[in-house]
Amino acid sequence: MSEKRIIAVAGATGAQGGGLVRAILNDPDGPFVVRALTRDVNSSKAQGLKAAGAELAQASLDDIDSLKRAFTGAYGAYCVTFYWDHLSPELETKHGQALAEAAKAAGVKHAIWSTFEDVRDYVPLHDARMPTLGGAYKVPHFDAKSEADKRFTELGVPTTIYLTSFYWENFIYFGSGPKKGPDGKYALTMPLGKAKMPSVAAEDIGKTAYGIFKAGPTYIGQTVGVAAEHLSGAEMAAAMTKALGVEIVYNDVPGDVYRSFGFPGADDIGNMFQFKAEFEDDYRAHRPVDLARKLNPTLLTFDQWLAINGKRIPLD
């Protein structure tokens, strides 16, 4: 029997990376073992992964030498950054570039780079229909990741560009879920109009990435998007109503109103939703559900995800 190859996973205790780590660990007869990268190998989450069979490696996106060490000897690397930890687009790009440089230095044979579109390719900085943020971005957490794409290409790292989608877990952890209005009714508020938005369970992003690795070189040099369903705001509200037993209506608001809500990143998120609505056809075309389901046959639908997780959505 041939020796199993190592997949090194950045952000192993996070949503995407954790899903990939568990997918590998849950497939003991598969071709890979996992090396879980984490800033703190002594954290409870890291120790939980170790107990489940993962190798741990201490690594920080701010320390490229630690990334090179963690990638050394690995066949594959899952590369993901953490914009919401720091809210700095410049740092986000730097982190992505560090992952590319570490993968090149270590001789990784297949990197998956978790990224997004560059919204400035659709709405130039001078275009006033969407405010420019920080003087250089339209959707900072999209644009900054995208700026690192070219580093993987320039260095010749064998890479799959992986376009992720809105996590349904955002309804639990990110404050994106329904809110009670002055009339006592719950509303799911997003500036999407009638557009359908690609979305997915966070765990399935990792599982689908595992499918890409298992396909060998098939998707190297390709762009692969992941989504489980393309749903409108009204469809998501209706599904929540059914699952939670509480009436939830969809509250469509203009982008300017959403950007005014004042929470950290509101302008960024408002621009993101505007991009997804105004360029719905392109955004959806980049994330075909059929391909994701081929790579990950257990892909959850929103109804299935709600049956498991719906009660965790806070209704305040």
C-alpha atoms as a PDB file:
ATOM      1  CA  MET A   1       0.000   0.000   0.000  1.00  0.00           C
ATOM      2  CA  SER A   2       1.398   3.390  -0.992  1.00  0.00           C
ATOM      3  CA  GLU A   3       2.165   5.891   1.721  1.00  0.00           C
ATOM      4  CA  LYS A   4      -0.563   8.432   2.362  1.00  0.00           C
ATOM      5  CA  ARG A   5       0.101  12.011   1.313  1.00  0.00           C
ATOM      6  CA  ILE A   6      -0.148  14.985   3.646  1.00  0.00           C
ATOM      7  CA  ILE A   7      -2.660  17.796   3.197  1.00  0.00           C
ATOM      8  CA  ALA A   8      -1.619  20.856   5.222  1.00  0.00           C
ATOM      9  CA  VAL A   9      -4.647  22.917   6.199  1.00  0.00           C
ATOM     10  CA  ALA A  10      -4.401  26.586   7.151  1.00  0.00           C
ATOM     11  CA  GLY A  11      -7.064  27.772   9.564  1.00  0.00           C
ATOM     12  CA  ALA A  12      -7.644  24.222  10.732  1.00  0.00           C
ATOM     13  CA  THR A  13      -9.681  25.307  13.764  1.00  0.00           C
ATOM     14  CA  GLY A  14     -11.854  27.649  11.678  1.00  0.00           C
ATOM     15  CA  ALA A  15     -14.952  27.054   9.567  1.00  0.00           C
ATOM     16  CA  GLN A  16     -13.502  26.160   6.171  1.00  0.00           C
ATOM     17  CA  GLY A  17     -10.267  24.550   7.317  1.00  0.00           C
ATOM     18  CA  GLY A  18     -12.014  22.628  10.061  1.00  0.00           C
ATOM     19  CA  GLY A  19     -14.446  21.159   7.552  1.00  0.00           C
ATOM     20  CA  LEU A  20     -11.559  19.909   5.409  1.00  0.00           C
ATOM     21  CA  VAL A  21      -9.685  18.483   8.416  1.00  0.00           C
ATOM     22  CA  ARG A  22     -12.766  16.545   9.492  1.00  0.00           C
ATOM     23  CA  ALA A  23     -13.439  15.331   5.934  1.00  0.00           C
ATOM     24  CA  ILE A  24      -9.959  13.806   5.784  1.00  0.00           C
ATOM     25  CA  LEU A  25     -10.168  12.323   9.288  1.00  0.00           C
ATOM     26  CA  ASN A  26     -13.587  10.848   8.525  1.00  0.00           C
ATOM     27  CA  ASP A  27     -12.177   9.005   5.503  1.00  0.00           C
ATOM     28  CA  PRO A  28      -9.578   6.709   7.084  1.00  0.00           C
ATOM     29  CA  ASP A  29      -9.338   4.621   3.922  1.00  0.00           C
ATOM     30  CA  GLY A  30      -8.709   7.694   1.775  1.00  0.00           C
ATOM     31  CA  PRO A  31      -5.402   8.736   0.205  1.00  0.00           C
ATOM     32  CA  PHE A  32      -4.518  11.544   2.629  1.00  0.00           C
ATOM     33  CA  VAL A  33      -3.555  12.356   6.186  1.00  0.00           C
ATOM     34  CA  VAL A  34      -3.956  15.851   7.579  1.00  0.00           C
ATOM     35  CA  ARG A  35      -1.611  18.372   9.099  1.00  0.00           C
ATOM     36  CA  ALA A  36      -3.635  21.011  10.934  1.00  0.00           C
ATOM     37  CA  LEU A  37      -2.080  24.490  11.011  1.00  0.00           C
ATOM     38  CA  THR A  38      -3.039  26.638  13.972  1.00  0.00           C
ATOM     39  CA  ARG A  39      -1.646  29.640  15.800  1.00  0.00           C
ATOM     40  CA  ASP A  40      -2.108  27.897  19.142  1.00  0.00           C
ATOM     41  CA  VAL A  41      -1.489  24.149  19.204  1.00  0.00           C
ATOM     42  CA  ASN A  42      -2.587  24.068  22.856  1.00  0.00           C
ATOM     43  CA  SER A  43      -6.072  25.472  22.251  1.00  0.00           C
ATOM     44  CA  SER A  44      -8.991  23.191  23.012  1.00  0.00           C
ATOM     45  CA  LYS A  45      -9.996  23.118  19.333  1.00  0.00           C
ATOM     46  CA  ALA A  46      -6.476  22.172  18.230  1.00  0.00           C
ATOM     47  CA  GLN A  47      -6.192  19.498  20.875  1.00  0.00           C
ATOM     48  CA  GLY A  48      -9.541  18.129  19.787  1.00  0.00           C
ATOM     49  CA  LEU A  49      -8.235  17.742  16.234  1.00  0.00           C
ATOM     50  CA  LYS A  50      -5.106  16.035  17.555  1.00  0.00           C
ATOM     51  CA  ALA A  51      -7.192  13.599  19.565  1.00  0.00           C
ATOM     52  CA  ALA A  52      -9.151  12.801  16.389  1.00  0.00           C
ATOM     53  CA  GLY A  53      -5.942  11.935  14.543  1.00  0.00           C
ATOM     54  CA  ALA A  54      -4.621  15.159  13.005  1.00  0.00           C
ATOM     55  CA  GLU A  55      -0.968  16.163  13.117  1.00  0.00           C
ATOM     56  CA  LEU A  56      -0.649  19.687  14.548  1.00  0.00           C
ATOM     57  CA  ALA A  57       1.688  22.379  13.242  1.00  0.00           C
ATOM     58  CA  GLN A  58       2.098  25.820  14.804  1.00  0.00           C
ATOM     59  CA  ALA A  59       1.915  28.459  12.092  1.00  0.00           C
ATOM     60  CA  SER A  60       0.906  32.091  11.748  1.00  0.00           C
ATOM     61  CA  LEU A  61       0.025  34.041   8.633  1.00  0.00           C
ATOM     62  CA  ASP A  62       2.249  36.801  10.028  1.00  0.00           C
ATOM     63  CA  ASP A  63       5.277  34.456  10.080  1.00  0.00           C
ATOM     64  CA  ILE A  64       6.118  33.121   6.627  1.00  0.00           C
ATOM     65  CA  ASP A  65       8.893  30.918   7.985  1.00  0.00           C
ATOM     66  CA  SER A  66       6.353  29.105  10.163  1.00  0.00           C
ATOM     67  CA  LEU A  67       4.172  28.554   7.086  1.00  0.00           C
ATOM     68  CA  LYS A  68       7.109  27.176   5.103  1.00  0.00           C
ATOM     69  CA  ARG A  69       7.894  24.730   7.892  1.00  0.00           C
ATOM     70  CA  ALA A  70       4.261  23.687   8.170  1.00  0.00           C
ATOM     71  CA  PHE A  71       3.970  23.089   4.404  1.00  0.00           C
ATOM     72  CA  THR A  72       7.253  21.179   4.100  1.00  0.00           C
ATOM     73  CA  GLY A  73       6.669  17.592   3.041  1.00  0.00           C
ATOM     74  CA  ALA A  74       3.006  18.183   2.220  1.00  0.00           C
ATOM     75  CA  TYR A  75       1.496  17.128  -1.089  1.00  0.00           C
ATOM     76  CA  GLY A  76      -1.356  19.617  -0.784  1.00  0.00           C
ATOM     77  CA  ALA A  77      -2.121  22.848   1.027  1.00  0.00           C
ATOM     78  CA  TYR A  78      -5.457  24.476   1.784  1.00  0.00           C
ATOM     79  CA  CYS A  79      -4.838  28.214   1.880  1.00  0.00           C
ATOM     80  CA  VAL A  80      -7.347  30.511   3.563  1.00  0.00           C
ATOM     81  CA  THR A  81      -7.088  33.908   5.246  1.00  0.00           C
ATOM     82  CA  PHE A  82      -9.120  35.540   8.036  1.00  0.00           C
ATOM     83  CA  TYR A  83     -10.181  39.052   7.064  1.00  0.00           C
ATOM     84  CA  TRP A  84     -12.698  39.467   9.896  1.00  0.00           C
ATOM     85  CA  ASP A  85      -9.941  38.975  12.483  1.00  0.00           C
ATOM     86  CA  HIS A  86      -8.284  42.262  11.550  1.00  0.00           C
ATOM     87  CA  LEU A  87     -10.444  44.143   8.962  1.00  0.00           C
ATOM     88  CA  SER A  88      -7.307  45.230   7.054  1.00  0.00           C
ATOM     89  CA  PRO A  89      -7.410  44.627   3.286  1.00  0.00           C
ATOM     90  CA  GLU A  90      -3.682  45.295   3.021  1.00  0.00           C
ATOM     91  CA  LEU A  91      -2.930  42.656   5.630  1.00  0.00           C
ATOM     92  CA  GLU A  92      -5.362  40.271   3.949  1.00  0.00           C
ATOM     93  CA  THR A  93      -3.454  40.505   0.672  1.00  0.00           C
ATOM     94  CA  LYS A  94      -0.130  40.124   2.486  1.00  0.00           C
ATOM     95  CA  HIS A  95      -1.386  36.978   4.218  1.00  0.00           C
ATOM     96  CA  GLY A  96      -2.543  35.460   0.933  1.00  0.00           C
ATOM     97  CA  GLN A  97       0.777  36.221  -0.685  1.00  0.00           C
ATOM     98  CA  ALA A  98       2.612  34.636   2.262  1.00  0.00           C
ATOM     99  CA  LEU A  99       0.622  31.422   1.773  1.00  0.00           C
ATOM    100  CA  ALA A 100       1.525  31.387  -1.929  1.00  0.00           C
ATOM    101  CA  GLU A 101       5.208  31.982  -1.200  1.00  0.00           C
ATOM    102  CA  ALA A 102       5.280  29.283   1.474  1.00  0.00           C
ATOM    103  CA  ALA A 103       3.580  26.784  -0.850  1.00  0.00           C
ATOM    104  CA  LYS A 104       6.156  27.534  -3.543  1.00  0.00           C
ATOM    105  CA  ALA A 105       9.096  27.256  -1.141  1.00  0.00           C
ATOM    106  CA  ALA A 106       7.840  23.918   0.194  1.00  0.00           C
ATOM    107  CA  GLY A 107       7.213  22.452  -3.258  1.00  0.00           C
ATOM    108  CA  VAL A 108       3.516  21.817  -2.661  1.00  0.00           C
ATOM    109  CA  LYS A 109       2.028  19.844  -5.569  1.00  0.00           C
ATOM    110  CA  HIS A 110      -1.527  21.161  -5.219  1.00  0.00           C
ATOM    111  CA  ALA A 111      -2.721  24.286  -3.417  1.00  0.00           C
ATOM    112  CA  ILE A 112      -6.353  25.280  -3.042  1.00  0.00           C
ATOM    113  CA  TRP A 113      -6.646  29.043  -2.536  1.00  0.00           C
ATOM    114  CA  SER A 114      -9.916  30.221  -0.978  1.00  0.00           C
ATOM    115  CA  THR A 115     -10.750  33.570  -2.557  1.00  0.00           C
ATOM    116  CA  PHE A 116     -13.395  35.756  -4.214  1.00  0.00           C
ATOM    117  CA  GLU A 117     -13.922  37.869  -7.299  1.00  0.00           C
ATOM    118  CA  ASP A 118     -12.303  41.299  -7.535  1.00  0.00           C
ATOM    119  CA  VAL A 119     -15.344  43.561  -7.543  1.00  0.00           C
ATOM    120  CA  ARG A 120     -13.290  46.362  -9.125  1.00  0.00           C
ATOM    121  CA  ASP A 121     -13.322  44.316 -12.340  1.00  0.00           C
ATOM    122  CA  TYR A 122     -17.096  44.904 -12.397  1.00  0.00           C
ATOM    123  CA  VAL A 123     -17.393  48.302 -10.703  1.00  0.00           C
ATOM    124  CA  PRO A 124     -14.281  50.474 -11.236  1.00  0.00           C
ATOM    125  CA  LEU A 125     -13.170  52.717  -8.395  1.00  0.00           C
ATOM    126  CA  HIS A 126     -14.446  55.813 -10.226  1.00  0.00           C
ATOM    127  CA  ASP A 127     -17.937  54.299 -10.570  1.00  0.00           C
ATOM    128  CA  ALA A 128     -20.146  56.104  -8.055  1.00  0.00           C
ATOM    129  CA  ARG A 129     -22.992  53.590  -8.035  1.00  0.00           C
ATOM    130  CA  MET A 130     -21.094  51.821  -5.248  1.00  0.00           C
ATOM    131  CA  PRO A 131     -18.974  53.758  -2.721  1.00  0.00           C
ATOM    132  CA  THR A 132     -15.215  53.287  -2.822  1.00  0.00           C
ATOM    133  CA  LEU A 133     -13.879  52.165   0.555  1.00  0.00           C
ATOM    134  CA  GLY A 134     -10.456  52.922   1.960  1.00  0.00           C
ATOM    135  CA  GLY A 135      -9.607  54.781  -1.219  1.00  0.00           C
ATOM    136  CA  ALA A 136      -8.764  51.584  -3.060  1.00  0.00           C
ATOM    137  CA  TYR A 137     -11.551  48.990  -2.761  1.00  0.00           C
ATOM    138  CA  LYS A 138     -15.188  48.334  -3.540  1.00  0.00           C
ATOM    139  CA  VAL A 139     -15.626  45.183  -1.428  1.00  0.00           C
ATOM    140  CA  PRO A 140     -12.430  45.043   0.646  1.00  0.00           C
ATOM    141  CA  HIS A 141     -12.747  41.462   1.852  1.00  0.00           C
ATOM    142  CA  PHE A 142     -13.289  40.308  -1.746  1.00  0.00           C
ATOM    143  CA  ASP A 143     -10.836  42.586  -3.510  1.00  0.00           C
ATOM    144  CA  ALA A 144      -7.984  42.053  -1.056  1.00  0.00           C
ATOM    145  CA  LYS A 145      -8.157  38.262  -1.337  1.00  0.00           C
ATOM    146  CA  SER A 146      -8.303  38.535  -5.113  1.00  0.00           C
ATOM    147  CA  GLU A 147      -5.115  40.607  -5.171  1.00  0.00           C
ATOM    148  CA  ALA A 148      -3.260  37.584  -3.801  1.00  0.00           C
ATOM    149  CA  ASP A 149      -4.489  35.333  -6.646  1.00  0.00           C
ATOM    150  CA  LYS A 150      -1.784  36.550  -8.964  1.00  0.00           C
ATOM    151  CA  ARG A 151       0.968  35.609  -6.513  1.00  0.00           C
ATOM    152  CA  PHE A 152       0.038  31.937  -6.792  1.00  0.00           C
ATOM    153  CA  THR A 153       0.113  32.294 -10.596  1.00  0.00           C
ATOM    154  CA  GLU A 154       3.346  34.294 -10.762  1.00  0.00           C
ATOM    155  CA  LEU A 155       5.168  31.738  -8.636  1.00  0.00           C
ATOM    156  CA  GLY A 156       3.864  28.808 -10.641  1.00  0.00           C
ATOM    157  CA  VAL A 157       2.207  27.150  -7.659  1.00  0.00           C
ATOM    158  CA  PRO A 158      -0.124  24.376  -8.933  1.00  0.00           C
ATOM    159  CA  THR A 159      -3.337  25.953  -7.700  1.00  0.00           C
ATOM    160  CA  THR A 160      -7.086  25.580  -7.760  1.00  0.00           C
ATOM    161  CA  ILE A 161      -8.726  28.988  -7.336  1.00  0.00           C
ATOM    162  CA  TYR A 162     -11.632  28.269  -5.013  1.00  0.00           C
ATOM    163  CA  LEU A 163     -14.548  30.722  -4.936  1.00  0.00           C
ATOM    164  CA  THR A 164     -16.550  30.304  -1.757  1.00  0.00           C
ATOM    165  CA  SER A 165     -20.066  31.494  -0.946  1.00  0.00           C
ATOM    166  CA  PHE A 166     -22.130  32.973   1.865  1.00  0.00           C
ATOM    167  CA  TYR A 167     -22.082  30.612   4.877  1.00  0.00           C
ATOM    168  CA  TRP A 168     -25.425  29.840   6.479  1.00  0.00           C
ATOM    169  CA  GLU A 169     -23.499  29.917   9.776  1.00  0.00           C
ATOM    170  CA  ASN A 170     -23.457  33.694   9.363  1.00  0.00           C
ATOM    171  CA  PHE A 171     -27.058  33.578  10.578  1.00  0.00           C
ATOM    172  CA  ILE A 172     -25.765  32.125  13.866  1.00  0.00           C
ATOM    173  CA  TYR A 173     -22.445  33.842  14.508  1.00  0.00           C
ATOM    174  CA  PHE A 174     -22.175  36.983  12.376  1.00  0.00           C
ATOM    175  CA  GLY A 175     -25.371  38.737  13.335  1.00  0.00           C
ATOM    176  CA  SER A 176     -26.935  38.206   9.901  1.00  0.00           C
ATOM    177  CA  GLY A 177     -29.992  36.370  11.169  1.00  0.00           C
ATOM    178  CA  PRO A 178     -33.551  37.607  11.663  1.00  0.00           C
ATOM    179  CA  LYS A 179     -34.144  40.560  13.963  1.00  0.00           C
ATOM    180  CA  LYS A 180     -37.327  41.539  15.776  1.00  0.00           C
ATOM    181  CA  GLY A 181     -38.746  44.851  14.620  1.00  0.00           C
ATOM    182  CA  PRO A 182     -40.774  47.430  16.553  1.00  0.00           C
ATOM    183  CA  ASP A 183     -43.920  45.599  15.455  1.00  0.00           C
ATOM    184  CA  GLY A 184     -42.669  42.402  17.128  1.00  0.00           C
ATOM    185  CA  LYS A 185     -42.224  40.596  13.824  1.00  0.00           C
ATOM    186  CA  TYR A 186     -38.951  38.994  12.736  1.00  0.00           C
ATOM    187  CA  ALA A 187     -37.309  40.158   9.532  1.00  0.00           C
ATOM    188  CA  LEU A 188     -34.338  38.879   7.561  1.00  0.00           C
ATOM    189  CA  THR A 189     -32.746  42.052   6.220  1.00  0.00           C
ATOM    190  CA  MET A 190     -30.480  42.000   3.164  1.00  0.00           C
ATOM    191  CA  PRO A 191     -30.115  44.391   0.220  1.00  0.00           C
ATOM    192  CA  LEU A 192     -30.536  41.687  -2.418  1.00  0.00           C
ATOM    193  CA  GLY A 193     -33.783  42.638  -4.123  1.00  0.00           C
ATOM    194  CA  LYS A 194     -35.116  39.520  -5.830  1.00  0.00           C
ATOM    195  CA  ALA A 195     -31.679  38.160  -6.672  1.00  0.00           C
ATOM    196  CA  LYS A 196     -30.791  34.589  -5.783  1.00  0.00           C
ATOM    197  CA  MET A 197     -27.577  34.268  -3.779  1.00  0.00           C
ATOM    198  CA  PRO A 198     -25.271  31.229  -3.792  1.00  0.00           C
ATOM    199  CA  SER A 199     -24.886  29.930  -0.246  1.00  0.00           C
ATOM    200  CA  VAL A 200     -23.618  26.855   1.569  1.00  0.00           C
ATOM    201  CA  ALA A 201     -22.923  25.242   4.942  1.00  0.00           C
ATOM    202  CA  ALA A 202     -19.406  26.128   6.068  1.00  0.00           C
ATOM    203  CA  GLU A 203     -18.598  22.460   6.695  1.00  0.00           C
ATOM    204  CA  ASP A 204     -19.383  21.688   3.065  1.00  0.00           C
ATOM    205  CA  ILE A 205     -16.774  24.150   1.834  1.00  0.00           C
ATOM    206  CA  GLY A 206     -14.157  21.922   3.439  1.00  0.00           C
ATOM    207  CA  LYS A 207     -15.811  18.710   2.248  1.00  0.00           C
ATOM    208  CA  THR A 208     -15.947  20.011  -1.313  1.00  0.00           C
ATOM    209  CA  ALA A 209     -12.281  21.025  -1.128  1.00  0.00           C
ATOM    210  CA  TYR A 210     -11.532  17.440  -0.115  1.00  0.00           C
ATOM    211  CA  GLY A 211     -13.275  16.325  -3.308  1.00  0.00           C
ATOM    212  CA  ILE A 212     -10.984  18.617  -5.296  1.00  0.00           C
ATOM    213  CA  PHE A 213      -7.888  17.109  -3.689  1.00  0.00           C
ATOM    214  CA  LYS A 214      -9.187  13.569  -4.275  1.00  0.00           C
ATOM    215  CA  ALA A 215      -9.624  14.376  -7.986  1.00  0.00           C
ATOM    216  CA  GLY A 216      -5.838  14.636  -8.310  1.00  0.00           C
ATOM    217  CA  PRO A 217      -4.598  17.167 -10.885  1.00  0.00           C
ATOM    218  CA  THR A 218      -8.013  17.566 -12.548  1.00  0.00           C
ATOM    219  CA  TYR A 219      -8.743  21.012 -11.085  1.00  0.00           C
ATOM    220  CA  ILE A 220      -5.193  22.407 -10.956  1.00  0.00           C
ATOM    221  CA  GLY A 221      -5.174  25.620 -12.967  1.00  0.00           C
ATOM    222  CA  GLN A 222      -8.961  25.793 -12.764  1.00  0.00           C
ATOM    223  CA  THR A 223     -11.395  28.041 -10.922  1.00  0.00           C
ATOM    224  CA  VAL A 224     -13.978  26.113  -8.914  1.00  0.00           C
ATOM    225  CA  GLY A 225     -16.890  27.724  -7.108  1.00  0.00           C
ATOM    226  CA  VAL A 226     -18.855  26.130  -4.296  1.00  0.00           C
ATOM    227  CA  ALA A 227     -22.529  26.568  -3.429  1.00  0.00           C
ATOM    228  CA  ALA A 228     -25.250  24.227  -2.234  1.00  0.00           C
ATOM    229  CA  GLU A 229     -28.201  26.333  -3.357  1.00  0.00           C
ATOM    230  CA  HIS A 230     -28.954  29.664  -4.996  1.00  0.00           C
ATOM    231  CA  LEU A 231     -31.682  31.248  -2.875  1.00  0.00           C
ATOM    232  CA  SER A 232     -33.437  34.597  -2.740  1.00  0.00           C
ATOM    233  CA  GLY A 233     -33.887  36.446   0.529  1.00  0.00           C
ATOM    234  CA  ALA A 234     -37.596  35.628   0.405  1.00  0.00           C
ATOM    235  CA  GLU A 235     -36.847  31.917  -0.072  1.00  0.00           C
ATOM    236  CA  MET A 236     -34.452  31.886   2.881  1.00  0.00           C
ATOM    237  CA  ALA A 237     -36.992  33.677   5.099  1.00  0.00           C
ATOM    238  CA  ALA A 238     -39.699  31.188   4.098  1.00  0.00           C
ATOM    239  CA  ALA A 239     -37.413  28.239   4.865  1.00  0.00           C
ATOM    240  CA  MET A 240     -36.582  29.723   8.276  1.00  0.00           C
ATOM    241  CA  THR A 241     -40.273  30.276   9.004  1.00  0.00           C
ATOM    242  CA  LYS A 242     -40.994  26.615   8.307  1.00  0.00           C
ATOM    243  CA  ALA A 243     -38.008  25.308  10.272  1.00  0.00           C
ATOM    244  CA  LEU A 244     -38.235  27.595  13.303  1.00  0.00           C
ATOM    245  CA  GLY A 245     -42.004  27.803  13.626  1.00  0.00           C
ATOM    246  CA  VAL A 246     -41.839  31.612  13.800  1.00  0.00           C
ATOM    247  CA  GLU A 247     -42.938  33.915  10.998  1.00  0.00           C
ATOM    248  CA  ILE A 248     -39.904  35.542   9.392  1.00  0.00           C
ATOM    249  CA  VAL A 249     -40.328  38.002   6.552  1.00  0.00           C
ATOM    250  CA  TYR A 250     -37.721  39.162   4.066  1.00  0.00           C
ATOM    251  CA  ASN A 251     -36.903  42.847   4.424  1.00  0.00           C
ATOM    252  CA  ASP A 252     -35.231  44.128   1.280  1.00  0.00           C
ATOM    253  CA  VAL A 253     -33.464  47.445   1.860  1.00  0.00           C
ATOM    254  CA  PRO A 254     -31.356  49.650  -0.429  1.00  0.00           C
ATOM    255  CA  GLY A 255     -27.601  49.216  -0.216  1.00  0.00           C
ATOM    256  CA  ASP A 256     -27.199  52.715   1.229  1.00  0.00           C
ATOM    257  CA  VAL A 257     -29.524  51.843   4.102  1.00  0.00           C
ATOM    258  CA  TYR A 258     -27.657  48.633   4.879  1.00  0.00           C
ATOM    259  CA  ARG A 259     -24.308  50.446   4.768  1.00  0.00           C
ATOM    260  CA  SER A 260     -25.650  52.906   7.340  1.00  0.00           C
ATOM    261  CA  PHE A 261     -26.337  50.236   9.977  1.00  0.00           C
ATOM    262  CA  GLY A 262     -23.004  50.996  11.617  1.00  0.00           C
ATOM    263  CA  PHE A 263     -21.735  47.575  12.658  1.00  0.00           C
ATOM    264  CA  PRO A 264     -18.049  46.856  11.875  1.00  0.00           C
ATOM    265  CA  GLY A 265     -17.806  46.145   8.156  1.00  0.00           C
ATOM    266  CA  ALA A 266     -21.362  47.296   7.342  1.00  0.00           C
ATOM    267  CA  ASP A 267     -20.183  49.282   4.329  1.00  0.00           C
ATOM    268  CA  ASP A 268     -18.118  46.330   3.090  1.00  0.00           C
ATOM    269  CA  ILE A 269     -20.997  43.858   3.527  1.00  0.00           C
ATOM    270  CA  GLY A 270     -23.475  46.307   1.999  1.00  0.00           C
ATOM    271  CA  ASN A 271     -21.305  46.634  -1.091  1.00  0.00           C
ATOM    272  CA  MET A 272     -20.924  42.858  -1.219  1.00  0.00           C
ATOM    273  CA  PHE A 273     -24.685  42.293  -1.309  1.00  0.00           C
ATOM    274  CA  GLN A 274     -25.036  45.022  -3.937  1.00  0.00           C
ATOM    275  CA  PHE A 275     -22.425  43.278  -6.089  1.00  0.00           C
ATOM    276  CA  LYS A 276     -24.170  39.922  -5.742  1.00  0.00           C
ATOM    277  CA  ALA A 277     -27.516  41.483  -6.723  1.00  0.00           C
ATOM    278  CA  GLU A 278     -26.328  43.656  -9.612  1.00  0.00           C
ATOM    279  CA  PHE A 279     -24.064  40.988 -11.107  1.00  0.00           C
ATOM    280  CA  GLU A 280     -26.259  38.048 -10.186  1.00  0.00           C
ATOM    281  CA  ASP A 281     -25.782  36.117 -13.422  1.00  0.00           C
ATOM    282  CA  ASP A 282     -21.978  36.148 -13.306  1.00  0.00           C
ATOM    283  CA  TYR A 283     -21.776  35.528  -9.574  1.00  0.00           C
ATOM    284  CA  ARG A 284     -24.105  32.550  -9.776  1.00  0.00           C
ATOM    285  CA  ALA A 285     -22.447  31.148 -12.899  1.00  0.00           C
ATOM    286  CA  HIS A 286     -19.134  30.978 -11.017  1.00  0.00           C
ATOM    287  CA  ARG A 287     -20.733  28.692  -8.378  1.00  0.00           C
ATOM    288  CA  PRO A 288     -22.561  25.816 -10.094  1.00  0.00           C
ATOM    289  CA  VAL A 289     -24.319  23.547  -7.619  1.00  0.00           C
ATOM    290  CA  ASP A 290     -23.954  20.474  -9.842  1.00  0.00           C
ATOM    291  CA  LEU A 291     -20.152  20.606  -9.669  1.00  0.00           C
ATOM    292  CA  ALA A 292     -20.142  21.068  -5.898  1.00  0.00           C
ATOM    293  CA  ARG A 293     -22.463  18.085  -5.509  1.00  0.00           C
ATOM    294  CA  LYS A 294     -20.253  15.985  -7.788  1.00  0.00           C
ATOM    295  CA  LEU A 295     -17.250  16.798  -5.593  1.00  0.00           C
ATOM    296  CA  ASN A 296     -19.229  16.443  -2.358  1.00  0.00           C
ATOM    297  CA  PRO A 297     -22.231  14.099  -2.709  1.00  0.00           C
ATOM    298  CA  THR A 298     -23.372  14.781   0.889  1.00  0.00           C
ATOM    299  CA  LEU A 299     -23.797  18.521   0.235  1.00  0.00           C
ATOM    300  CA  LEU A 300     -26.555  19.839   2.521  1.00  0.00           C
ATOM    301  CA  THR A 301     -29.501  21.855   1.261  1.00  0.00           C
ATOM    302  CA  PHE A 302     -30.644  24.872   3.273  1.00  0.00           C
ATOM    303  CA  ASP A 303     -33.633  22.917   4.579  1.00  0.00           C
ATOM    304  CA  GLN A 304     -31.345  20.102   5.731  1.00  0.00           C
ATOM    305  CA  TRP A 305     -28.960  22.572   7.354  1.00  0.00           C
ATOM    306  CA  LEU A 306     -31.847  24.275   9.156  1.00  0.00           C
ATOM    307  CA  ALA A 307     -33.130  20.933  10.464  1.00  0.00           C
ATOM    308  CA  ILE A 308     -29.732  20.429  12.127  1.00  0.00           C
ATOM    309  CA  ASN A 309     -28.804  24.013  13.063  1.00  0.00           C
ATOM    310  CA  GLY A 310     -31.925  26.145  12.924  1.00  0.00           C
ATOM    311  CA  LYS A 311     -32.475  26.233  16.680  1.00  0.00           C
ATOM    312  CA  ARG A 312     -28.993  27.774  17.043  1.00  0.00           C
ATOM    313  CA  ILE A 313     -30.043  30.901  15.131  1.00  0.00           C
ATOM    314  CA  PRO A 314     -30.590  33.573  17.782  1.00  0.00           C
ATOM    315  CA  LEU A 315     -34.011  35.216  17.747  1.00  0.00           C
ATOM    316  CA  ASP A 316     -33.659  38.328  19.911  1.00  0.00           C
END
